[in-house]
Amino acid sequence: MNVFINQVPHALNDGATLEVAIALVQAQPPFAAAVNLVFVPNSQYGQKVLFAEDRIDIISPVTGG
Protein backbone atom coordinates (compact mmCIF):
# COMPACT_ATOMS: atom_id res chain seq x y z
CA MET A 1 0.00 0.00 0.00
CA ASN A 2 1.10 3.58 -0.51
CA VAL A 3 1.20 6.16 2.26
CA PHE A 4 2.64 9.66 2.46
CA ILE A 5 5.24 10.43 5.11
CA ASN A 6 5.89 14.17 5.35
CA GLN A 7 4.31 14.47 1.90
CA VAL A 8 6.67 11.92 0.30
CA PRO A 9 5.10 8.70 -1.03
CA HIS A 10 6.31 5.43 0.49
CA ALA A 11 5.26 1.81 -0.05
CA LEU A 12 4.45 -0.26 3.05
CA ASN A 13 3.05 -3.74 3.51
CA ASP A 14 -0.68 -4.00 4.18
CA GLY A 15 -1.33 -3.85 7.91
CA ALA A 16 1.85 -1.87 8.64
CA THR A 17 1.83 0.23 11.78
CA LEU A 18 2.94 3.77 12.44
CA GLU A 19 5.98 2.30 14.20
CA VAL A 20 7.04 0.68 10.90
CA ALA A 21 6.60 3.97 9.02
CA ILE A 22 8.70 5.84 11.59
CA ALA A 23 11.45 3.22 11.34
CA LEU A 24 11.37 3.45 7.53
CA VAL A 25 12.32 7.13 7.59
CA GLN A 26 14.72 6.62 10.51
CA ALA A 27 13.16 9.41 12.58
CA GLN A 28 15.29 10.33 15.59
CA PRO A 29 13.71 11.51 18.87
CA PRO A 30 12.43 13.87 19.90
CA PHE A 31 9.52 14.01 17.46
CA ALA A 32 5.74 13.87 17.38
CA ALA A 33 3.64 11.93 14.89
CA ALA A 34 0.19 12.41 13.42
CA VAL A 35 -1.86 10.33 11.01
CA ASN A 36 -4.32 12.25 8.86
CA LEU A 37 -3.74 15.30 11.08
CA VAL A 38 -4.61 13.40 14.28
CA PHE A 39 -1.82 13.26 16.91
CA VAL A 40 -0.83 9.73 17.94
CA PRO A 41 0.83 9.27 21.37
CA ASN A 42 4.17 7.47 21.16
CA SER A 43 2.78 4.68 23.33
CA GLN A 44 0.37 3.88 20.46
CA TYR A 45 2.81 3.79 17.52
CA GLY A 46 2.90 -0.02 17.48
CA GLN A 47 -0.90 -0.35 17.61
CA LYS A 48 -1.82 2.35 15.06
CA VAL A 49 -2.52 0.42 11.86
CA LEU A 50 -2.08 2.40 8.66
CA PHE A 51 -4.26 2.28 5.57
CA ALA A 52 -3.60 3.10 1.92
CA GLU A 53 -3.22 6.82 1.23
CA ASP A 54 -2.81 7.72 4.92
CA ARG A 55 -0.86 10.92 5.46
CA ILE A 56 1.73 10.71 8.22
CA ASP A 57 3.44 13.77 9.63
CA ILE A 58 6.58 13.35 11.71
CA ILE A 59 7.48 16.65 13.32
CA SER A 60 10.63 17.54 15.24
CA PRO A 61 10.67 20.47 17.66
CA VAL A 62 12.42 23.65 16.59
CA THR A 63 14.26 25.80 19.09
CA GLY A 64 15.63 29.27 18.83
CA GLY A 65 14.69 32.87 19.21
C-alpha atoms as a PDB file:
ATOM      1  CA  MET A   1       0.000   0.000   0.000  1.00  0.00           C
ATOM      2  CA  ASN A   2       1.105   3.583  -0.513  1.00  0.00           C
ATOM      3  CA  VAL A   3       1.198   6.163   2.264  1.00  0.00           C
ATOM      4  CA  PHE A   4       2.642   9.658   2.464  1.00  0.00           C
ATOM      5  CA  ILE A   5       5.242  10.431   5.112  1.00  0.00           C
ATOM      6  CA  ASN A   6       5.893  14.170   5.353  1.00  0.00           C
ATOM      7  CA  GLN A   7       4.314  14.475   1.896  1.00  0.00           C
ATOM      8  CA  VAL A   8       6.666  11.916   0.302  1.00  0.00           C
ATOM      9  CA  PRO A   9       5.101   8.696  -1.035  1.00  0.00           C
ATOM     10  CA  HIS A  10       6.310   5.426   0.491  1.00  0.00           C
ATOM     11  CA  ALA A  11       5.260   1.806  -0.051  1.00  0.00           C
ATOM     12  CA  LEU A  12       4.449  -0.261   3.047  1.00  0.00           C
ATOM     13  CA  ASN A  13       3.051  -3.744   3.508  1.00  0.00           C
ATOM     14  CA  ASP A  14      -0.676  -4.000   4.180  1.00  0.00           C
ATOM     15  CA  GLY A  15      -1.335  -3.851   7.906  1.00  0.00           C
ATOM     16  CA  ALA A  16       1.848  -1.873   8.641  1.00  0.00           C
ATOM     17  CA  THR A  17       1.834   0.232  11.782  1.00  0.00           C
ATOM     18  CA  LEU A  18       2.937   3.773  12.440  1.00  0.00           C
ATOM     19  CA  GLU A  19       5.975   2.296  14.199  1.00  0.00           C
ATOM     20  CA  VAL A  20       7.039   0.681  10.902  1.00  0.00           C
ATOM     21  CA  ALA A  21       6.604   3.966   9.017  1.00  0.00           C
ATOM     22  CA  ILE A  22       8.696   5.836  11.586  1.00  0.00           C
ATOM     23  CA  ALA A  23      11.451   3.221  11.340  1.00  0.00           C
ATOM     24  CA  LEU A  24      11.369   3.449   7.534  1.00  0.00           C
ATOM     25  CA  VAL A  25      12.324   7.127   7.587  1.00  0.00           C
ATOM     26  CA  GLN A  26      14.721   6.621  10.512  1.00  0.00           C
ATOM     27  CA  ALA A  27      13.162   9.409  12.581  1.00  0.00           C
ATOM     28  CA  GLN A  28      15.290  10.327  15.588  1.00  0.00           C
ATOM     29  CA  PRO A  29      13.713  11.507  18.866  1.00  0.00           C
ATOM     30  CA  PRO A  30      12.425  13.871  19.897  1.00  0.00           C
ATOM     31  CA  PHE A  31       9.522  14.007  17.461  1.00  0.00           C
ATOM     32  CA  ALA A  32       5.739  13.868  17.380  1.00  0.00           C
ATOM     33  CA  ALA A  33       3.640  11.930  14.890  1.00  0.00           C
ATOM     34  CA  ALA A  34       0.193  12.413  13.420  1.00  0.00           C
ATOM     35  CA  VAL A  35      -1.860  10.329  11.007  1.00  0.00           C
ATOM     36  CA  ASN A  36      -4.322  12.251   8.858  1.00  0.00           C
ATOM     37  CA  LEU A  37      -3.742  15.302  11.080  1.00  0.00           C
ATOM     38  CA  VAL A  38      -4.608  13.403  14.284  1.00  0.00           C
ATOM     39  CA  PHE A  39      -1.823  13.263  16.914  1.00  0.00           C
ATOM     40  CA  VAL A  40      -0.829   9.734  17.940  1.00  0.00           C
ATOM     41  CA  PRO A  41       0.827   9.269  21.370  1.00  0.00           C
ATOM     42  CA  ASN A  42       4.174   7.468  21.157  1.00  0.00           C
ATOM     43  CA  SER A  43       2.775   4.683  23.332  1.00  0.00           C
ATOM     44  CA  GLN A  44       0.366   3.884  20.464  1.00  0.00           C
ATOM     45  CA  TYR A  45       2.806   3.786  17.516  1.00  0.00           C
ATOM     46  CA  GLY A  46       2.897  -0.022  17.483  1.00  0.00           C
ATOM     47  CA  GLN A  47      -0.897  -0.346  17.605  1.00  0.00           C
ATOM     48  CA  LYS A  48      -1.817   2.351  15.061  1.00  0.00           C
ATOM     49  CA  VAL A  49      -2.520   0.416  11.857  1.00  0.00           C
ATOM     50  CA  LEU A  50      -2.081   2.397   8.657  1.00  0.00           C
ATOM     51  CA  PHE A  51      -4.256   2.283   5.570  1.00  0.00           C
ATOM     52  CA  ALA A  52      -3.599   3.100   1.919  1.00  0.00           C
ATOM     53  CA  GLU A  53      -3.223   6.823   1.228  1.00  0.00           C
ATOM     54  CA  ASP A  54      -2.808   7.721   4.918  1.00  0.00           C
ATOM     55  CA  ARG A  55      -0.860  10.922   5.462  1.00  0.00           C
ATOM     56  CA  ILE A  56       1.725  10.708   8.222  1.00  0.00           C
ATOM     57  CA  ASP A  57       3.441  13.772   9.628  1.00  0.00           C
ATOM     58  CA  ILE A  58       6.580  13.349  11.711  1.00  0.00           C
ATOM     59  CA  ILE A  59       7.475  16.650  13.318  1.00  0.00           C
ATOM     60  CA  SER A  60      10.625  17.544  15.243  1.00  0.00           C
ATOM     61  CA  PRO A  61      10.669  20.471  17.656  1.00  0.00           C
ATOM     62  CA  VAL A  62      12.420  23.654  16.594  1.00  0.00           C
ATOM     63  CA  THR A  63      14.261  25.805  19.091  1.00  0.00           C
ATOM     64  CA  GLY A  64      15.625  29.269  18.825  1.00  0.00           C
ATOM     65  CA  GLY A  65      14.695  32.866  19.210  1.00  0.00           C
END
